[in-house]
Amino acid sequence: VSAAKNLESSVYVVKSQIHAGGRGAGQFLDSETDKGGVRVVKTMS
């Protein structure tokens, strides 16, 4: 959140950092959502 506030952008991209590709289309183990490891968001929440 602090990093996003310092960027002062209207759109933010939150990216998982692992040594593997395909993060955006990936899936989190035991997750209740189907969202991947790269997400485009607009608010601090």
ModelCIF file with pLDDT and N, C-alpha, C, O atoms, coordinates in Angstrom:
data_MODEL
#
_entry.id   MODEL 
#
_entity.id                         1 
_entity.type                       polymer 
_entity.pdbx_number_of_molecules   1 
#
_entity_poly.entity_id                      1 
_entity_poly.type                           'polypeptide(L)' 
_entity_poly.nstd_linkage                   no 
_entity_poly.nstd_monomer                   no 
_entity_poly.pdbx_seq_one_letter_code       VSAAKNLESSVYVVKSQIHAGGRGAGQFLDSETDKGGVRVVKTMS 
_entity_poly.pdbx_seq_one_letter_code_can   VSAAKNLESSVYVVKSQIHAGGRGAGQFLDSETDKGGVRVVKTMS 
_entity_poly.pdbx_strand_id                 A 
#
loop_
_entity_poly_seq.entity_id 
_entity_poly_seq.num 
_entity_poly_seq.mon_id 
_entity_poly_seq.hetero 
1 1  VAL n 
1 2  SER n 
1 3  ALA n 
1 4  ALA n 
1 5  LYS n 
1 6  ASN n 
1 7  LEU n 
1 8  GLU n 
1 9  SER n 
1 10 SER n 
1 11 VAL n 
1 12 TYR n 
1 13 VAL n 
1 14 VAL n 
1 15 LYS n 
1 16 SER n 
1 17 GLN n 
1 18 ILE n 
1 19 HIS n 
1 20 ALA n 
1 21 GLY n 
1 22 GLY n 
1 23 ARG n 
1 24 GLY n 
1 25 ALA n 
1 26 GLY n 
1 27 GLN n 
1 28 PHE n 
1 29 LEU n 
1 30 ASP n 
1 31 SER n 
1 32 GLU n 
1 33 THR n 
1 34 ASP n 
1 35 LYS n 
1 36 GLY n 
1 37 GLY n 
1 38 VAL n 
1 39 ARG n 
1 40 VAL n 
1 41 VAL n 
1 42 LYS n 
1 43 THR n 
1 44 MET n 
1 45 SER n 
#
_struct_asym.id          A 
_struct_asym.entity_id   1 
#
loop_
_ma_qa_metric.id 
_ma_qa_metric.mode 
_ma_qa_metric.name 
_ma_qa_metric.software_group_id 
_ma_qa_metric.type 
1 global pLDDT . pLDDT 
2 local  pLDDT . pLDDT 
#
_ma_qa_metric_global.metric_id      1 
_ma_qa_metric_global.metric_value   93.22 
_ma_qa_metric_global.model_id       1 
_ma_qa_metric_global.ordinal_id     1 
#
loop_
_ma_qa_metric_local.label_asym_id 
_ma_qa_metric_local.label_comp_id 
_ma_qa_metric_local.label_seq_id 
_ma_qa_metric_local.metric_id 
_ma_qa_metric_local.metric_value 
_ma_qa_metric_local.model_id 
_ma_qa_metric_local.ordinal_id 
A VAL 1  2 97.00 1 1  
A SER 2  2 97.00 1 2  
A ALA 3  2 96.00 1 3  
A ALA 4  2 96.00 1 4  
A LYS 5  2 96.00 1 5  
A ASN 6  2 96.00 1 6  
A LEU 7  2 95.00 1 7  
A GLU 8  2 88.00 1 8  
A SER 9  2 92.00 1 9  
A SER 10 2 94.00 1 10 
A VAL 11 2 96.00 1 11 
A TYR 12 2 97.00 1 12 
A VAL 13 2 97.00 1 13 
A VAL 14 2 97.00 1 14 
A LYS 15 2 97.00 1 15 
A SER 16 2 97.00 1 16 
A GLN 17 2 97.00 1 17 
A ILE 18 2 96.00 1 18 
A HIS 19 2 94.00 1 19 
A ALA 20 2 91.00 1 20 
A GLY 21 2 89.00 1 21 
A GLY 22 2 90.00 1 22 
A ARG 23 2 93.00 1 23 
A GLY 24 2 91.00 1 24 
A ALA 25 2 90.00 1 25 
A GLY 26 2 93.00 1 26 
A GLN 27 2 92.00 1 27 
A PHE 28 2 94.00 1 28 
A LEU 29 2 91.00 1 29 
A ASP 30 2 85.00 1 30 
A SER 31 2 84.00 1 31 
A GLU 32 2 80.00 1 32 
A THR 33 2 81.00 1 33 
A ASP 34 2 86.00 1 34 
A LYS 35 2 92.00 1 35 
A GLY 36 2 93.00 1 36 
A GLY 37 2 95.00 1 37 
A VAL 38 2 96.00 1 38 
A ARG 39 2 96.00 1 39 
A VAL 40 2 96.00 1 40 
A VAL 41 2 96.00 1 41 
A LYS 42 2 96.00 1 42 
A THR 43 2 96.00 1 43 
A MET 44 2 97.00 1 44 
A SER 45 2 97.00 1 45 
#
loop_
_atom_site.group_PDB 
_atom_site.id 
_atom_site.type_symbol 
_atom_site.label_atom_id 
_atom_site.label_alt_id 
_atom_site.label_comp_id 
_atom_site.label_asym_id 
_atom_site.label_entity_id 
_atom_site.label_seq_id 
_atom_site.pdbx_PDB_ins_code 
_atom_site.Cartn_x 
_atom_site.Cartn_y 
_atom_site.Cartn_z 
_atom_site.occupancy 
_atom_site.B_iso_or_equiv 
_atom_site.pdbx_formal_charge 
_atom_site.auth_seq_id 
_atom_site.auth_comp_id 
_atom_site.auth_asym_id 
_atom_site.auth_atom_id 
_atom_site.pdbx_PDB_model_num 
ATOM 1   N N  . VAL A 1 1  ? 0.837   -1.200  0.000   1.00 97.00 ? 1  VAL A N  1 
ATOM 2   C CA . VAL A 1 1  ? 0.000   0.000   0.000   1.00 97.00 ? 1  VAL A CA 1 
ATOM 3   C C  . VAL A 1 1  ? 0.870   1.248   0.000   1.00 97.00 ? 1  VAL A C  1 
ATOM 4   O O  . VAL A 1 1  ? 0.594   2.204   -0.726  1.00 97.00 ? 1  VAL A O  1 
ATOM 5   N N  . SER A 1 2  ? 1.916   1.240   0.810   1.00 97.00 ? 2  SER A N  1 
ATOM 6   C CA . SER A 1 2  ? 2.824   2.377   0.864   1.00 97.00 ? 2  SER A CA 1 
ATOM 7   C C  . SER A 1 2  ? 3.481   2.620   -0.491  1.00 97.00 ? 2  SER A C  1 
ATOM 8   O O  . SER A 1 2  ? 3.624   3.761   -0.930  1.00 97.00 ? 2  SER A O  1 
ATOM 9   N N  . ALA A 1 3  ? 3.881   1.521   -1.152  1.00 96.00 ? 3  ALA A N  1 
ATOM 10  C CA . ALA A 1 3  ? 4.503   1.639   -2.473  1.00 96.00 ? 3  ALA A CA 1 
ATOM 11  C C  . ALA A 1 3  ? 3.532   2.239   -3.478  1.00 96.00 ? 3  ALA A C  1 
ATOM 12  O O  . ALA A 1 3  ? 3.909   3.089   -4.284  1.00 96.00 ? 3  ALA A O  1 
ATOM 13  N N  . ALA A 1 4  ? 2.278   1.794   -3.427  1.00 96.00 ? 4  ALA A N  1 
ATOM 14  C CA . ALA A 1 4  ? 1.266   2.302   -4.357  1.00 96.00 ? 4  ALA A CA 1 
ATOM 15  C C  . ALA A 1 4  ? 1.008   3.789   -4.132  1.00 96.00 ? 4  ALA A C  1 
ATOM 16  O O  . ALA A 1 4  ? 0.863   4.550   -5.089  1.00 96.00 ? 4  ALA A O  1 
ATOM 17  N N  . LYS A 1 5  ? 0.951   4.197   -2.876  1.00 96.00 ? 5  LYS A N  1 
ATOM 18  C CA . LYS A 1 5  ? 0.719   5.616   -2.573  1.00 96.00 ? 5  LYS A CA 1 
ATOM 19  C C  . LYS A 1 5  ? 1.844   6.490   -3.117  1.00 96.00 ? 5  LYS A C  1 
ATOM 20  O O  . LYS A 1 5  ? 1.602   7.596   -3.600  1.00 96.00 ? 5  LYS A O  1 
ATOM 21  N N  . ASN A 1 6  ? 3.073   5.988   -3.035  1.00 96.00 ? 6  ASN A N  1 
ATOM 22  C CA . ASN A 1 6  ? 4.217   6.762   -3.527  1.00 96.00 ? 6  ASN A CA 1 
ATOM 23  C C  . ASN A 1 6  ? 4.212   6.885   -5.054  1.00 96.00 ? 6  ASN A C  1 
ATOM 24  O O  . ASN A 1 6  ? 4.768   7.834   -5.606  1.00 96.00 ? 6  ASN A O  1 
ATOM 25  N N  . LEU A 1 7  ? 3.587   5.930   -5.725  1.00 95.00 ? 7  LEU A N  1 
ATOM 26  C CA . LEU A 1 7  ? 3.544   5.965   -7.189  1.00 95.00 ? 7  LEU A CA 1 
ATOM 27  C C  . LEU A 1 7  ? 2.557   7.006   -7.710  1.00 95.00 ? 7  LEU A C  1 
ATOM 28  O O  . LEU A 1 7  ? 2.746   7.562   -8.792  1.00 95.00 ? 7  LEU A O  1 
ATOM 29  N N  . GLU A 1 8  ? 1.501   7.267   -6.936  1.00 88.00 ? 8  GLU A N  1 
ATOM 30  C CA . GLU A 1 8  ? 0.488   8.252   -7.306  1.00 88.00 ? 8  GLU A CA 1 
ATOM 31  C C  . GLU A 1 8  ? -0.032  8.014   -8.731  1.00 88.00 ? 8  GLU A C  1 
ATOM 32  O O  . GLU A 1 8  ? -0.048  8.925   -9.560  1.00 88.00 ? 8  GLU A O  1 
ATOM 33  N N  . SER A 1 9  ? -0.448  6.798   -8.990  1.00 92.00 ? 9  SER A N  1 
ATOM 34  C CA . SER A 1 9  ? -0.970  6.426   -10.300 1.00 92.00 ? 9  SER A CA 1 
ATOM 35  C C  . SER A 1 9  ? -2.471  6.175   -10.201 1.00 92.00 ? 9  SER A C  1 
ATOM 36  O O  . SER A 1 9  ? -3.000  5.971   -9.108  1.00 92.00 ? 9  SER A O  1 
ATOM 37  N N  . SER A 1 10 ? -3.151  6.190   -11.337 1.00 94.00 ? 10 SER A N  1 
ATOM 38  C CA . SER A 1 10 ? -4.587  5.881   -11.340 1.00 94.00 ? 10 SER A CA 1 
ATOM 39  C C  . SER A 1 10 ? -4.827  4.377   -11.461 1.00 94.00 ? 10 SER A C  1 
ATOM 40  O O  . SER A 1 10 ? -5.907  3.880   -11.143 1.00 94.00 ? 10 SER A O  1 
ATOM 41  N N  . VAL A 1 11 ? -3.797  3.659   -11.926 1.00 96.00 ? 11 VAL A N  1 
ATOM 42  C CA . VAL A 1 11 ? -3.876  2.210   -12.076 1.00 96.00 ? 11 VAL A CA 1 
ATOM 43  C C  . VAL A 1 11 ? -2.588  1.598   -11.543 1.00 96.00 ? 11 VAL A C  1 
ATOM 44  O O  . VAL A 1 11 ? -1.500  2.130   -11.762 1.00 96.00 ? 11 VAL A O  1 
ATOM 45  N N  . TYR A 1 12 ? -2.719  0.468   -10.836 1.00 97.00 ? 12 TYR A N  1 
ATOM 46  C CA . TYR A 1 12 ? -1.560  -0.221  -10.273 1.00 97.00 ? 12 TYR A CA 1 
ATOM 47  C C  . TYR A 1 12 ? -1.543  -1.674  -10.748 1.00 97.00 ? 12 TYR A C  1 
ATOM 48  O O  . TYR A 1 12 ? -2.586  -2.279  -10.990 1.00 97.00 ? 12 TYR A O  1 
ATOM 49  N N  . VAL A 1 13 ? -0.349  -2.206  -10.872 1.00 97.00 ? 13 VAL A N  1 
ATOM 50  C CA . VAL A 1 13 ? -0.191  -3.622  -11.207 1.00 97.00 ? 13 VAL A CA 1 
ATOM 51  C C  . VAL A 1 13 ? 0.547   -4.285  -10.060 1.00 97.00 ? 13 VAL A C  1 
ATOM 52  O O  . VAL A 1 13 ? 1.659   -3.890  -9.709  1.00 97.00 ? 13 VAL A O  1 
ATOM 53  N N  . VAL A 1 14 ? -0.085  -5.302  -9.475  1.00 97.00 ? 14 VAL A N  1 
ATOM 54  C CA . VAL A 1 14 ? 0.512   -6.040  -8.361  1.00 97.00 ? 14 VAL A CA 1 
ATOM 55  C C  . VAL A 1 14 ? 0.998   -7.382  -8.905  1.00 97.00 ? 14 VAL A C  1 
ATOM 56  O O  . VAL A 1 14 ? 0.211   -8.173  -9.424  1.00 97.00 ? 14 VAL A O  1 
ATOM 57  N N  . LYS A 1 15 ? 2.302   -7.629  -8.780  1.00 97.00 ? 15 LYS A N  1 
ATOM 58  C CA . LYS A 1 15 ? 2.915   -8.797  -9.418  1.00 97.00 ? 15 LYS A CA 1 
ATOM 59  C C  . LYS A 1 15 ? 3.622   -9.696  -8.407  1.00 97.00 ? 15 LYS A C  1 
ATOM 60  O O  . LYS A 1 15 ? 4.468   -9.239  -7.639  1.00 97.00 ? 15 LYS A O  1 
ATOM 61  N N  . SER A 1 16 ? 3.270   -10.961 -8.417  1.00 97.00 ? 16 SER A N  1 
ATOM 62  C CA . SER A 1 16 ? 4.002   -11.943 -7.628  1.00 97.00 ? 16 SER A CA 1 
ATOM 63  C C  . SER A 1 16 ? 5.413   -12.078 -8.196  1.00 97.00 ? 16 SER A C  1 
ATOM 64  O O  . SER A 1 16 ? 5.604   -12.089 -9.412  1.00 97.00 ? 16 SER A O  1 
ATOM 65  N N  . GLN A 1 17 ? 6.392   -12.178 -7.306  1.00 97.00 ? 17 GLN A N  1 
ATOM 66  C CA . GLN A 1 17 ? 7.779   -12.320 -7.738  1.00 97.00 ? 17 GLN A CA 1 
ATOM 67  C C  . GLN A 1 17 ? 8.279   -13.732 -7.434  1.00 97.00 ? 17 GLN A C  1 
ATOM 68  O O  . GLN A 1 17 ? 8.601   -14.063 -6.292  1.00 97.00 ? 17 GLN A O  1 
ATOM 69  N N  . ILE A 1 18 ? 8.337   -14.550 -8.475  1.00 96.00 ? 18 ILE A N  1 
ATOM 70  C CA . ILE A 1 18 ? 8.918   -15.887 -8.381  1.00 96.00 ? 18 ILE A CA 1 
ATOM 71  C C  . ILE A 1 18 ? 9.771   -16.115 -9.620  1.00 96.00 ? 18 ILE A C  1 
ATOM 72  O O  . ILE A 1 18 ? 9.629   -15.409 -10.619 1.00 96.00 ? 18 ILE A O  1 
ATOM 73  N N  . HIS A 1 19 ? 10.654  -17.099 -9.553  1.00 94.00 ? 19 HIS A N  1 
ATOM 74  C CA . HIS A 1 19 ? 11.500  -17.412 -10.700 1.00 94.00 ? 19 HIS A CA 1 
ATOM 75  C C  . HIS A 1 19 ? 10.780  -18.376 -11.641 1.00 94.00 ? 19 HIS A C  1 
ATOM 76  O O  . HIS A 1 19 ? 11.216  -19.511 -11.831 1.00 94.00 ? 19 HIS A O  1 
ATOM 77  N N  . ALA A 1 20 ? 9.689   -17.922 -12.218 1.00 91.00 ? 20 ALA A N  1 
ATOM 78  C CA . ALA A 1 20 ? 8.930   -18.737 -13.176 1.00 91.00 ? 20 ALA A CA 1 
ATOM 79  C C  . ALA A 1 20 ? 8.019   -17.817 -13.973 1.00 91.00 ? 20 ALA A C  1 
ATOM 80  O O  . ALA A 1 20 ? 7.556   -16.791 -13.474 1.00 91.00 ? 20 ALA A O  1 
ATOM 81  N N  . GLY A 1 21 ? 7.772   -18.200 -15.214 1.00 89.00 ? 21 GLY A N  1 
ATOM 82  C CA . GLY A 1 21 ? 6.885   -17.426 -16.067 1.00 89.00 ? 21 GLY A CA 1 
ATOM 83  C C  . GLY A 1 21 ? 5.450   -17.899 -15.944 1.00 89.00 ? 21 GLY A C  1 
ATOM 84  O O  . GLY A 1 21 ? 5.143   -18.835 -15.205 1.00 89.00 ? 21 GLY A O  1 
ATOM 85  N N  . GLY A 1 22 ? 4.583   -17.232 -16.681 1.00 90.00 ? 22 GLY A N  1 
ATOM 86  C CA . GLY A 1 22 ? 3.174   -17.599 -16.667 1.00 90.00 ? 22 GLY A CA 1 
ATOM 87  C C  . GLY A 1 22 ? 2.443   -17.202 -15.403 1.00 90.00 ? 22 GLY A C  1 
ATOM 88  O O  . GLY A 1 22 ? 1.435   -17.814 -15.050 1.00 90.00 ? 22 GLY A O  1 
ATOM 89  N N  . ARG A 1 23 ? 2.939   -16.184 -14.716 1.00 93.00 ? 23 ARG A N  1 
ATOM 90  C CA . ARG A 1 23 ? 2.351   -15.802 -13.422 1.00 93.00 ? 23 ARG A CA 1 
ATOM 91  C C  . ARG A 1 23 ? 0.925   -15.289 -13.572 1.00 93.00 ? 23 ARG A C  1 
ATOM 92  O O  . ARG A 1 23 ? 0.057   -15.598 -12.756 1.00 93.00 ? 23 ARG A O  1 
ATOM 93  N N  . GLY A 1 24 ? 0.692   -14.505 -14.617 1.00 91.00 ? 24 GLY A N  1 
ATOM 94  C CA . GLY A 1 24 ? -0.640  -13.926 -14.792 1.00 91.00 ? 24 GLY A CA 1 
ATOM 95  C C  . GLY A 1 24 ? -1.719  -14.965 -14.989 1.00 91.00 ? 24 GLY A C  1 
ATOM 96  O O  . GLY A 1 24 ? -2.846  -14.799 -14.524 1.00 91.00 ? 24 GLY A O  1 
ATOM 97  N N  . ALA A 1 25 ? -1.371  -16.044 -15.685 1.00 90.00 ? 25 ALA A N  1 
ATOM 98  C CA . ALA A 1 25 ? -2.337  -17.114 -15.937 1.00 90.00 ? 25 ALA A CA 1 
ATOM 99  C C  . ALA A 1 25 ? -2.274  -18.205 -14.882 1.00 90.00 ? 25 ALA A C  1 
ATOM 100 O O  . ALA A 1 25 ? -2.985  -19.205 -14.978 1.00 90.00 ? 25 ALA A O  1 
ATOM 101 N N  . GLY A 1 26 ? -1.420  -18.018 -13.867 1.00 93.00 ? 26 GLY A N  1 
ATOM 102 C CA . GLY A 1 26 ? -1.271  -19.026 -12.828 1.00 93.00 ? 26 GLY A CA 1 
ATOM 103 C C  . GLY A 1 26 ? -2.438  -19.036 -11.847 1.00 93.00 ? 26 GLY A C  1 
ATOM 104 O O  . GLY A 1 26 ? -3.338  -18.198 -11.908 1.00 93.00 ? 26 GLY A O  1 
ATOM 105 N N  . GLN A 1 27 ? -2.396  -19.997 -10.953 1.00 92.00 ? 27 GLN A N  1 
ATOM 106 C CA . GLN A 1 27 ? -3.430  -20.146 -9.928  1.00 92.00 ? 27 GLN A CA 1 
ATOM 107 C C  . GLN A 1 27 ? -2.760  -20.362 -8.573  1.00 92.00 ? 27 GLN A C  1 
ATOM 108 O O  . GLN A 1 27 ? -1.748  -21.054 -8.466  1.00 92.00 ? 27 GLN A O  1 
ATOM 109 N N  . PHE A 1 28 ? -3.346  -19.756 -7.544  1.00 94.00 ? 28 PHE A N  1 
ATOM 110 C CA . PHE A 1 28 ? -2.823  -19.962 -6.201  1.00 94.00 ? 28 PHE A CA 1 
ATOM 111 C C  . PHE A 1 28 ? -3.421  -21.224 -5.595  1.00 94.00 ? 28 PHE A C  1 
ATOM 112 O O  . PHE A 1 28 ? -4.620  -21.478 -5.701  1.00 94.00 ? 28 PHE A O  1 
ATOM 113 N N  . LEU A 1 29 ? -2.567  -21.999 -4.963  1.00 91.00 ? 29 LEU A N  1 
ATOM 114 C CA . LEU A 1 29 ? -2.991  -23.245 -4.351  1.00 91.00 ? 29 LEU A CA 1 
ATOM 115 C C  . LEU A 1 29 ? -3.964  -22.956 -3.213  1.00 91.00 ? 29 LEU A C  1 
ATOM 116 O O  . LEU A 1 29 ? -3.705  -22.095 -2.373  1.00 91.00 ? 29 LEU A O  1 
ATOM 117 N N  . ASP A 1 30 ? -5.082  -23.676 -3.188  1.00 85.00 ? 30 ASP A N  1 
ATOM 118 C CA . ASP A 1 30 ? -6.107  -23.549 -2.144  1.00 85.00 ? 30 ASP A CA 1 
ATOM 119 C C  . ASP A 1 30 ? -6.722  -22.151 -2.081  1.00 85.00 ? 30 ASP A C  1 
ATOM 120 O O  . ASP A 1 30 ? -7.202  -21.728 -1.030  1.00 85.00 ? 30 ASP A O  1 
ATOM 121 N N  . SER A 1 31 ? -6.708  -21.439 -3.205  1.00 84.00 ? 31 SER A N  1 
ATOM 122 C CA . SER A 1 31 ? -7.303  -20.101 -3.228  1.00 84.00 ? 31 SER A CA 1 
ATOM 123 C C  . SER A 1 31 ? -8.797  -20.193 -3.507  1.00 84.00 ? 31 SER A C  1 
ATOM 124 O O  . SER A 1 31 ? -9.257  -21.078 -4.228  1.00 84.00 ? 31 SER A O  1 
ATOM 125 N N  . GLU A 1 32 ? -9.537  -19.273 -2.930  1.00 80.00 ? 32 GLU A N  1 
ATOM 126 C CA . GLU A 1 32 ? -10.977 -19.239 -3.157  1.00 80.00 ? 32 GLU A CA 1 
ATOM 127 C C  . GLU A 1 32 ? -11.335 -18.453 -4.410  1.00 80.00 ? 32 GLU A C  1 
ATOM 128 O O  . GLU A 1 32 ? -12.498 -18.420 -4.810  1.00 80.00 ? 32 GLU A O  1 
ATOM 129 N N  . THR A 1 33 ? -10.348 -17.822 -5.029  1.00 81.00 ? 33 THR A N  1 
ATOM 130 C CA . THR A 1 33 ? -10.578 -17.074 -6.268  1.00 81.00 ? 33 THR A CA 1 
ATOM 131 C C  . THR A 1 33 ? -9.759  -17.706 -7.387  1.00 81.00 ? 33 THR A C  1 
ATOM 132 O O  . THR A 1 33 ? -8.875  -18.524 -7.134  1.00 81.00 ? 33 THR A O  1 
ATOM 133 N N  . ASP A 1 34 ? -10.058 -17.324 -8.622  1.00 86.00 ? 34 ASP A N  1 
ATOM 134 C CA . ASP A 1 34 ? -9.305  -17.826 -9.765  1.00 86.00 ? 34 ASP A CA 1 
ATOM 135 C C  . ASP A 1 34 ? -8.344  -16.764 -10.300 1.00 86.00 ? 34 ASP A C  1 
ATOM 136 O O  . ASP A 1 34 ? -7.865  -16.858 -11.430 1.00 86.00 ? 34 ASP A O  1 
ATOM 137 N N  . LYS A 1 35 ? -8.067  -15.750 -9.468  1.00 92.00 ? 35 LYS A N  1 
ATOM 138 C CA . LYS A 1 35 ? -7.163  -14.684 -9.880  1.00 92.00 ? 35 LYS A CA 1 
ATOM 139 C C  . LYS A 1 35 ? -5.725  -15.190 -9.891  1.00 92.00 ? 35 LYS A C  1 
ATOM 140 O O  . LYS A 1 35 ? -5.327  -15.989 -9.043  1.00 92.00 ? 35 LYS A O  1 
ATOM 141 N N  . GLY A 1 36 ? -4.962  -14.715 -10.856 1.00 93.00 ? 36 GLY A N  1 
ATOM 142 C CA . GLY A 1 36 ? -3.591  -15.159 -11.018 1.00 93.00 ? 36 GLY A CA 1 
ATOM 143 C C  . GLY A 1 36 ? -2.595  -14.358 -10.205 1.00 93.00 ? 36 GLY A C  1 
ATOM 144 O O  . GLY A 1 36 ? -2.957  -13.659 -9.259  1.00 93.00 ? 36 GLY A O  1 
ATOM 145 N N  . GLY A 1 37 ? -1.316  -14.474 -10.597 1.00 95.00 ? 37 GLY A N  1 
ATOM 146 C CA . GLY A 1 37 ? -0.238  -13.837 -9.850  1.00 95.00 ? 37 GLY A CA 1 
ATOM 147 C C  . GLY A 1 37 ? 0.117   -12.446 -10.323 1.00 95.00 ? 37 GLY A C  1 
ATOM 148 O O  . GLY A 1 37 ? 1.042   -11.833 -9.792  1.00 95.00 ? 37 GLY A O  1 
ATOM 149 N N  . VAL A 1 38 ? -0.613  -11.924 -11.332 1.00 96.00 ? 38 VAL A N  1 
ATOM 150 C CA . VAL A 1 38 ? -0.439  -10.543 -11.789 1.00 96.00 ? 38 VAL A CA 1 
ATOM 151 C C  . VAL A 1 38 ? -1.823  -9.926  -11.886 1.00 96.00 ? 38 VAL A C  1 
ATOM 152 O O  . VAL A 1 38 ? -2.686  -10.443 -12.596 1.00 96.00 ? 38 VAL A O  1 
ATOM 153 N N  . ARG A 1 39 ? -2.045  -8.815  -11.171 1.00 96.00 ? 39 ARG A N  1 
ATOM 154 C CA . ARG A 1 39 ? -3.378  -8.226  -11.118 1.00 96.00 ? 39 ARG A CA 1 
ATOM 155 C C  . ARG A 1 39 ? -3.323  -6.715  -11.335 1.00 96.00 ? 39 ARG A C  1 
ATOM 156 O O  . ARG A 1 39 ? -2.462  -6.023  -10.792 1.00 96.00 ? 39 ARG A O  1 
ATOM 157 N N  . VAL A 1 40 ? -4.252  -6.229  -12.131 1.00 96.00 ? 40 VAL A N  1 
ATOM 158 C CA . VAL A 1 40 ? -4.387  -4.797  -12.384 1.00 96.00 ? 40 VAL A CA 1 
ATOM 159 C C  . VAL A 1 40 ? -5.504  -4.265  -11.493 1.00 96.00 ? 40 VAL A C  1 
ATOM 160 O O  . VAL A 1 40 ? -6.639  -4.737  -11.566 1.00 96.00 ? 40 VAL A O  1 
ATOM 161 N N  . VAL A 1 41 ? -5.185  -3.287  -10.655 1.00 96.00 ? 41 VAL A N  1 
ATOM 162 C CA . VAL A 1 41 ? -6.155  -2.761  -9.692  1.00 96.00 ? 41 VAL A CA 1 
ATOM 163 C C  . VAL A 1 41 ? -6.133  -1.230  -9.722  1.00 96.00 ? 41 VAL A C  1 
ATOM 164 O O  . VAL A 1 41 ? -5.252  -0.615  -10.323 1.00 96.00 ? 41 VAL A O  1 
ATOM 165 N N  . LYS A 1 42 ? -7.130  -0.635  -9.055  1.00 96.00 ? 42 LYS A N  1 
ATOM 166 C CA . LYS A 1 42 ? -7.249  0.826   -9.106  1.00 96.00 ? 42 LYS A CA 1 
ATOM 167 C C  . LYS A 1 42 ? -7.262  1.495   -7.739  1.00 96.00 ? 42 LYS A C  1 
ATOM 168 O O  . LYS A 1 42 ? -7.021  2.699   -7.650  1.00 96.00 ? 42 LYS A O  1 
ATOM 169 N N  . THR A 1 43 ? -7.534  0.760   -6.683  1.00 96.00 ? 43 THR A N  1 
ATOM 170 C CA . THR A 1 43 ? -7.662  1.381   -5.364  1.00 96.00 ? 43 THR A CA 1 
ATOM 171 C C  . THR A 1 43 ? -6.662  0.786   -4.381  1.00 96.00 ? 43 THR A C  1 
ATOM 172 O O  . THR A 1 43 ? -6.113  -0.293  -4.604  1.00 96.00 ? 43 THR A O  1 
ATOM 173 N N  . MET A 1 44 ? -6.439  1.518   -3.283  1.00 97.00 ? 44 MET A N  1 
ATOM 174 C CA . MET A 1 44 ? -5.522  1.031   -2.250  1.00 97.00 ? 44 MET A CA 1 
ATOM 175 C C  . MET A 1 44 ? -6.054  -0.242  -1.594  1.00 97.00 ? 44 MET A C  1 
ATOM 176 O O  . MET A 1 44 ? -5.285  -1.137  -1.242  1.00 97.00 ? 44 MET A O  1 
ATOM 177 N N  . SER A 1 45 ? -7.358  -0.312  -1.434  1.00 97.00 ? 45 SER A N  1 
ATOM 178 C CA . SER A 1 45 ? -7.932  -1.519  -0.825  1.00 97.00 ? 45 SER A CA 1 
ATOM 179 C C  . SER A 1 45 ? -7.705  -2.737  -1.718  1.00 97.00 ? 45 SER A C  1 
ATOM 180 O O  . SER A 1 45 ? -8.119  -3.843  -1.370  1.00 97.00 ? 45 SER A O  1 
#
